Amino acid sequence: MSDHVGDPATEAFVAHRNLLFTVAYEMLGSAADAEDVLQETWLRWVEADFAQVRDHRAYLVRITTRQALNRMRTVRRRREAYVGSWLPEPLLTAPDVAEDVELAESVSMAMLLVLETLSPTERAVFVLREVFDVGYDEIADAVDKTPAAVRQIAHRARRHVDARRPRQAASAKAARAAMESFRHAVETGDPQALLDVLAPGVVLVGDGGGVKQASLHPIVGADKVTRFMIGNLAKKGLSIIVSAVTVNGTPALLVHLDGEVDGIMAFKVEGTLISGLYYVRNPEKLTRVASRAPLTLR
């Protein structure tokens, strides 16, 4: 792309790059796959007759959506062979993402897992319509459906997602407070303090990708989660440093064990209690986190 600096097509692509990345990431849950989609989008963009493209944003979103849908077929086959639980790749995000409540929710770890339960076309329609307010006609061009069909898909996807949203979503202040309480409990190894901040039905999902040790199946219940976490820390006997970061638009913790990045802990908070814990340890998903370079998503 550097060879085209100053070219109008390049300037248009760069102007919309954050938006295109976010569309691809929300459809795929993987920054690496989203970057591949952007590369494919760029190759098709430079082949287009730029003078005939009336709406650069719409054209680029259409290409990105189609490439992401193609990639989803490959990704789904790959995930079927994934060792243990699969979690989205965490992204350090800039403060402006957290301030945009709708965007922050749409890229949160909890929401990305909900989007995994949609079909590829439902997911594309939901992301374009609900997150980016793209018109039905424009979405129809992107997913190769009629506008009427897209309206039906959007309604079905919205109903599916709404049924799985937290019943009592926490404010940003409450989410930070819950995370800090969790952080203190982990750092001090205090099981009661941990129990006090966990919802009775809390679910812990760990992703080691077959490379790092992680529970192969979700752990459910405050007592089981507490025993697992406190027990593991005691067994390891390692020096632990836990730092507050913003990941996918929400408060999260970056965990170092003996000076090395061990993982990212993301949270779902309902009311004042943590109802979901998502611990990503797979090293392939931590390269962006380790770089400490936050992203602006649109």
Protein backbone atom coordinates (compact mmCIF):
# COMPACT_ATOMS: atom_id res chain seq x y z
CA MET A 1 0.00 0.00 0.00
CA SER A 2 2.97 2.32 0.64
CA ASP A 3 3.60 2.54 -3.13
CA HIS A 4 0.24 4.26 -3.55
CA VAL A 5 0.69 7.04 -0.97
CA GLY A 6 -1.02 10.22 -2.22
CA ASP A 7 -3.28 8.27 -4.57
CA PRO A 8 -7.02 9.08 -4.05
CA ALA A 9 -7.93 5.39 -3.83
CA THR A 10 -5.35 4.87 -1.09
CA GLU A 11 -6.50 7.95 0.81
CA ALA A 12 -10.10 6.72 0.67
CA PHE A 13 -9.10 3.27 1.94
CA VAL A 14 -7.02 4.71 4.79
CA ALA A 15 -9.86 7.07 5.75
CA HIS A 16 -12.21 4.10 6.26
CA ARG A 17 -9.69 1.54 7.47
CA ASN A 18 -10.71 1.60 11.16
CA LEU A 19 -14.35 1.08 10.21
CA LEU A 20 -13.50 -1.78 7.85
CA PHE A 21 -11.30 -3.46 10.46
CA THR A 22 -14.08 -3.25 13.05
CA VAL A 23 -16.68 -4.71 10.67
CA ALA A 24 -14.35 -7.63 9.87
CA TYR A 25 -13.33 -8.13 13.52
CA GLU A 26 -16.93 -8.17 14.75
CA MET A 27 -17.80 -10.73 12.11
CA LEU A 28 -14.76 -12.94 12.82
CA GLY A 29 -13.67 -12.35 16.42
CA SER A 30 -10.05 -12.44 15.31
CA ALA A 31 -7.78 -9.47 14.60
CA ALA A 32 -5.46 -11.65 12.52
CA ASP A 33 -8.34 -12.80 10.31
CA ALA A 34 -9.68 -9.25 10.12
CA GLU A 35 -6.30 -8.03 8.86
CA ASP A 36 -6.33 -10.73 6.19
CA VAL A 37 -9.79 -9.60 5.13
CA LEU A 38 -8.57 -6.01 4.87
CA GLN A 39 -5.70 -7.14 2.67
CA GLU A 40 -8.17 -8.90 0.36
CA THR A 41 -10.39 -5.83 0.40
CA TRP A 42 -7.45 -3.62 -0.58
CA LEU A 43 -6.52 -5.85 -3.50
CA ARG A 44 -10.06 -5.67 -4.86
CA TRP A 45 -10.32 -1.94 -4.16
CA VAL A 46 -7.27 -1.05 -6.26
CA GLU A 47 -8.69 -3.08 -9.14
CA ALA A 48 -11.97 -1.14 -9.09
CA ASP A 49 -12.76 1.74 -11.45
CA PHE A 50 -12.36 4.44 -8.83
CA ALA A 51 -14.02 7.12 -10.95
CA GLN A 52 -17.22 5.04 -11.14
CA VAL A 53 -17.52 4.49 -7.38
CA ARG A 54 -20.00 7.04 -6.03
CA ASP A 55 -19.90 6.07 -2.35
CA HIS A 56 -16.44 4.95 -1.25
CA ARG A 57 -17.55 3.90 2.23
CA ALA A 58 -20.45 1.78 0.99
CA TYR A 59 -18.32 0.13 -1.67
CA LEU A 60 -15.53 -0.70 0.79
CA VAL A 61 -17.95 -2.01 3.42
CA ARG A 62 -19.55 -4.23 0.77
CA ILE A 63 -16.19 -5.72 -0.26
CA THR A 64 -15.13 -6.19 3.37
CA THR A 65 -18.41 -7.90 4.29
CA ARG A 66 -18.18 -10.32 1.37
CA GLN A 67 -14.57 -11.18 2.14
CA ALA A 68 -15.39 -11.67 5.82
CA LEU A 69 -18.25 -14.02 4.91
CA ASN A 70 -15.86 -16.05 2.77
CA ARG A 71 -13.35 -16.16 5.61
CA MET A 72 -16.01 -17.26 8.10
CA ARG A 73 -16.46 -20.55 6.27
CA THR A 74 -12.77 -21.36 6.68
CA VAL A 75 -12.69 -20.12 10.26
CA ARG A 76 -15.64 -22.26 11.32
CA ARG A 77 -13.95 -25.41 10.09
CA ARG A 78 -10.77 -24.44 11.92
CA ARG A 79 -12.62 -23.81 15.17
CA GLU A 80 -14.25 -27.23 15.05
CA ALA A 81 -10.75 -28.67 15.57
CA TYR A 82 -9.77 -26.11 18.23
CA VAL A 83 -8.48 -27.56 21.51
CA GLY A 84 -10.70 -26.55 24.42
CA SER A 85 -12.89 -23.47 24.55
CA TRP A 86 -12.47 -20.79 21.90
CA LEU A 87 -12.52 -17.10 22.85
CA PRO A 88 -12.22 -14.03 20.62
CA GLU A 89 -8.81 -12.42 20.24
CA PRO A 90 -8.64 -9.56 22.79
CA LEU A 91 -7.82 -6.05 21.59
CA LEU A 92 -6.44 -3.20 23.65
CA THR A 93 -8.76 -0.33 22.74
CA ALA A 94 -8.43 3.43 23.02
CA PRO A 95 -10.51 5.36 25.62
CA ASP A 96 -12.86 6.72 22.94
CA VAL A 97 -14.14 3.19 22.32
CA ALA A 98 -15.24 2.82 25.95
CA GLU A 99 -17.02 6.19 25.73
CA ASP A 100 -19.12 4.96 22.79
CA VAL A 101 -21.48 2.70 24.74
CA GLU A 102 -22.99 0.92 21.72
CA LEU A 103 -19.62 0.27 20.09
CA ALA A 104 -18.08 -0.89 23.38
CA GLU A 105 -20.90 -3.39 23.92
CA SER A 106 -20.69 -4.66 20.34
CA VAL A 107 -16.98 -5.52 20.60
CA SER A 108 -17.07 -6.80 24.19
CA MET A 109 -15.97 -10.37 24.75
CA ALA A 110 -19.45 -11.32 25.97
CA MET A 111 -21.17 -9.89 22.89
CA LEU A 112 -18.69 -11.45 20.45
CA LEU A 113 -19.49 -14.84 22.00
CA VAL A 114 -23.20 -14.18 21.48
CA LEU A 115 -22.51 -13.27 17.85
CA GLU A 116 -20.79 -16.65 17.45
CA THR A 117 -24.21 -18.27 17.86
CA LEU A 118 -25.60 -16.50 14.77
CA SER A 119 -25.29 -17.81 11.23
CA PRO A 120 -22.68 -15.99 9.10
CA THR A 121 -25.32 -13.99 7.21
CA GLU A 122 -27.23 -13.13 10.41
CA ARG A 123 -24.00 -11.95 11.99
CA ALA A 124 -23.10 -9.76 9.01
CA VAL A 125 -26.57 -8.21 8.92
CA PHE A 126 -26.63 -7.62 12.68
CA VAL A 127 -23.20 -5.97 12.74
CA LEU A 128 -23.91 -3.72 9.76
CA ARG A 129 -27.40 -2.72 10.86
CA GLU A 130 -27.25 -2.60 14.65
CA VAL A 131 -23.69 -1.38 15.15
CA PHE A 132 -23.06 0.79 12.10
CA ASP A 133 -26.64 1.71 11.08
CA VAL A 134 -26.07 0.69 7.47
CA GLY A 135 -29.21 0.90 5.31
CA TYR A 136 -31.09 -2.25 4.30
CA ASP A 137 -30.47 -1.70 0.59
CA GLU A 138 -26.73 -1.36 1.18
CA ILE A 139 -26.67 -4.48 3.37
CA ALA A 140 -28.64 -6.37 0.72
CA ASP A 141 -25.90 -5.62 -1.82
CA ALA A 142 -23.23 -6.80 0.63
CA VAL A 143 -24.86 -10.13 1.53
CA ASP A 144 -26.51 -10.81 -1.83
CA LYS A 145 -30.08 -10.81 -0.49
CA THR A 146 -33.17 -8.71 -1.20
CA PRO A 147 -33.86 -5.74 1.13
CA ALA A 148 -37.02 -7.51 2.33
CA ALA A 149 -35.03 -10.64 3.23
CA VAL A 150 -32.43 -8.50 5.01
CA ARG A 151 -35.16 -6.90 7.15
CA GLN A 152 -36.37 -10.35 8.20
CA ILE A 153 -32.81 -11.52 8.94
CA ALA A 154 -32.13 -8.35 10.96
CA HIS A 155 -35.29 -8.87 13.02
CA ARG A 156 -34.43 -12.52 13.68
CA ALA A 157 -30.81 -11.71 14.61
CA ARG A 158 -31.83 -8.84 16.90
CA ARG A 159 -34.33 -11.03 18.74
CA HIS A 160 -31.68 -13.77 19.12
CA VAL A 161 -29.09 -11.35 20.52
CA ASP A 162 -31.54 -9.53 22.81
CA ALA A 163 -32.50 -12.85 24.42
CA ARG A 164 -28.85 -13.39 25.36
CA ARG A 165 -27.94 -9.88 26.53
CA PRO A 166 -27.34 -9.31 30.26
CA ARG A 167 -30.64 -8.67 32.03
CA GLN A 168 -29.09 -5.97 34.19
CA ALA A 169 -26.16 -4.46 32.31
CA ALA A 170 -23.63 -2.79 34.59
CA SER A 171 -22.57 0.83 34.27
CA ALA A 172 -18.94 1.54 33.39
CA LYS A 173 -18.36 2.60 37.01
CA ALA A 174 -19.87 -0.63 38.39
CA ALA A 175 -17.86 -2.74 35.94
CA ARG A 176 -14.60 -1.07 36.99
CA ALA A 177 -15.48 -1.50 40.68
CA ALA A 178 -16.21 -5.22 40.20
CA MET A 179 -12.96 -5.68 38.30
CA GLU A 180 -10.95 -3.92 41.01
CA SER A 181 -12.54 -6.09 43.69
CA PHE A 182 -11.69 -9.18 41.64
CA ARG A 183 -8.14 -7.92 41.15
CA HIS A 184 -7.65 -7.37 44.88
CA ALA A 185 -9.02 -10.83 45.70
CA VAL A 186 -6.68 -12.50 43.19
CA GLU A 187 -3.60 -10.55 44.28
CA THR A 188 -4.22 -11.32 47.96
CA GLY A 189 -5.43 -14.88 47.40
CA ASP A 190 -8.56 -14.16 49.44
CA PRO A 191 -11.28 -16.71 48.55
CA GLN A 192 -14.05 -14.90 50.45
CA ALA A 193 -13.31 -11.62 48.71
CA LEU A 194 -13.52 -13.45 45.40
CA LEU A 195 -16.83 -15.08 46.32
CA ASP A 196 -18.23 -11.68 47.30
CA VAL A 197 -17.78 -10.27 43.79
CA LEU A 198 -18.89 -13.34 41.79
CA ALA A 199 -22.50 -14.03 40.82
CA PRO A 200 -23.73 -17.44 42.04
CA GLY A 201 -23.94 -18.76 38.47
CA VAL A 202 -20.71 -17.19 37.21
CA VAL A 203 -19.06 -18.93 34.25
CA LEU A 204 -15.28 -19.06 33.74
CA VAL A 205 -14.10 -19.79 30.20
CA GLY A 206 -10.39 -20.32 29.55
CA ASP A 207 -8.67 -20.36 26.17
CA GLY A 208 -5.19 -21.88 25.99
CA GLY A 209 -5.49 -23.01 22.39
CA GLY A 210 -3.81 -26.30 23.23
CA VAL A 211 -0.58 -24.36 23.87
CA LYS A 212 -1.16 -23.09 27.41
CA GLN A 213 -2.94 -24.95 30.18
CA ALA A 214 -6.62 -24.02 30.48
CA SER A 215 -9.80 -25.76 31.50
CA LEU A 216 -11.14 -27.65 28.47
CA HIS A 217 -14.71 -26.88 29.48
CA PRO A 218 -16.35 -23.85 31.13
CA ILE A 219 -16.40 -23.86 34.95
CA VAL A 220 -19.78 -22.89 36.38
CA GLY A 221 -20.63 -21.61 39.87
CA ALA A 222 -18.96 -19.18 42.27
CA ASP A 223 -17.59 -21.91 44.57
CA LYS A 224 -16.03 -23.91 41.72
CA VAL A 225 -14.57 -20.83 40.05
CA THR A 226 -13.08 -19.61 43.33
CA ARG A 227 -11.51 -22.98 44.12
CA PHE A 228 -10.11 -23.24 40.59
CA MET A 229 -8.57 -19.77 40.58
CA ILE A 230 -7.21 -19.66 44.14
CA GLY A 231 -6.02 -23.26 43.87
CA ASN A 232 -4.18 -22.67 40.61
CA LEU A 233 -2.42 -19.58 41.92
CA ALA A 234 -1.35 -21.41 45.07
CA LYS A 235 -0.06 -24.40 43.07
CA LYS A 236 1.94 -22.28 40.65
CA GLY A 237 3.67 -20.35 43.43
CA LEU A 238 4.60 -17.66 40.89
CA SER A 239 4.92 -13.92 41.24
CA ILE A 240 1.72 -12.38 39.88
CA ILE A 241 1.25 -8.81 38.65
CA VAL A 242 -2.20 -7.75 37.51
CA SER A 243 -2.65 -4.50 35.57
CA ALA A 244 -5.89 -2.75 34.64
CA VAL A 245 -6.36 -2.25 30.89
CA THR A 246 -9.22 -1.53 28.51
CA VAL A 247 -9.89 -4.50 26.26
CA ASN A 248 -12.64 -4.57 23.63
CA GLY A 249 -14.03 -1.35 25.06
CA THR A 250 -14.45 -2.68 28.61
CA PRO A 251 -12.32 -2.92 31.80
CA ALA A 252 -10.06 -5.98 31.85
CA LEU A 253 -6.90 -7.28 33.51
CA LEU A 254 -3.53 -8.01 31.96
CA VAL A 255 -1.87 -10.80 33.98
CA HIS A 256 1.90 -11.26 34.24
CA LEU A 257 3.36 -14.36 35.90
CA ASP A 258 7.05 -14.12 36.81
CA GLY A 259 7.43 -11.13 34.52
CA GLU A 260 5.90 -12.77 31.43
CA VAL A 261 2.50 -11.97 29.89
CA ASP A 262 0.26 -14.87 30.90
CA GLY A 263 -3.12 -13.72 29.67
CA ILE A 264 -6.02 -11.29 29.51
CA MET A 265 -8.99 -11.61 31.84
CA ALA A 266 -12.16 -10.00 30.49
CA PHE A 267 -15.44 -9.74 32.37
CA LYS A 268 -19.19 -9.69 32.01
CA VAL A 269 -20.73 -7.74 34.88
CA GLU A 270 -24.43 -7.73 35.66
CA GLY A 271 -25.53 -5.28 38.33
CA THR A 272 -22.56 -5.28 40.69
CA LEU A 273 -21.48 -8.91 40.31
CA ILE A 274 -19.29 -10.69 37.77
CA SER A 275 -21.32 -13.24 35.82
CA GLY A 276 -18.73 -14.10 33.16
CA LEU A 277 -14.93 -14.49 33.23
CA TYR A 278 -13.01 -14.93 29.97
CA TYR A 279 -9.33 -15.77 30.33
CA VAL A 280 -7.32 -15.79 27.10
CA ARG A 281 -3.93 -17.51 27.48
CA ASN A 282 -3.33 -18.64 23.90
CA PRO A 283 -0.07 -16.84 22.97
CA GLU A 284 -1.20 -16.43 19.36
CA LYS A 285 -4.03 -14.22 20.59
CA LEU A 286 -1.87 -12.06 22.87
CA THR A 287 0.59 -10.52 20.40
CA ARG A 288 -1.42 -7.31 20.04
CA VAL A 289 -1.94 -7.05 23.78
CA ALA A 290 1.77 -7.49 24.41
CA SER A 291 2.52 -4.61 22.01
CA ARG A 292 0.51 -2.30 24.30
CA ALA A 293 -0.74 -0.34 21.27
CA PRO A 294 -4.46 0.52 21.77
CA LEU A 295 -6.76 0.66 18.74
CA THR A 296 -9.34 3.19 17.66
CA LEU A 297 -12.10 1.20 16.03
CA ARG A 298 -13.91 3.73 13.85
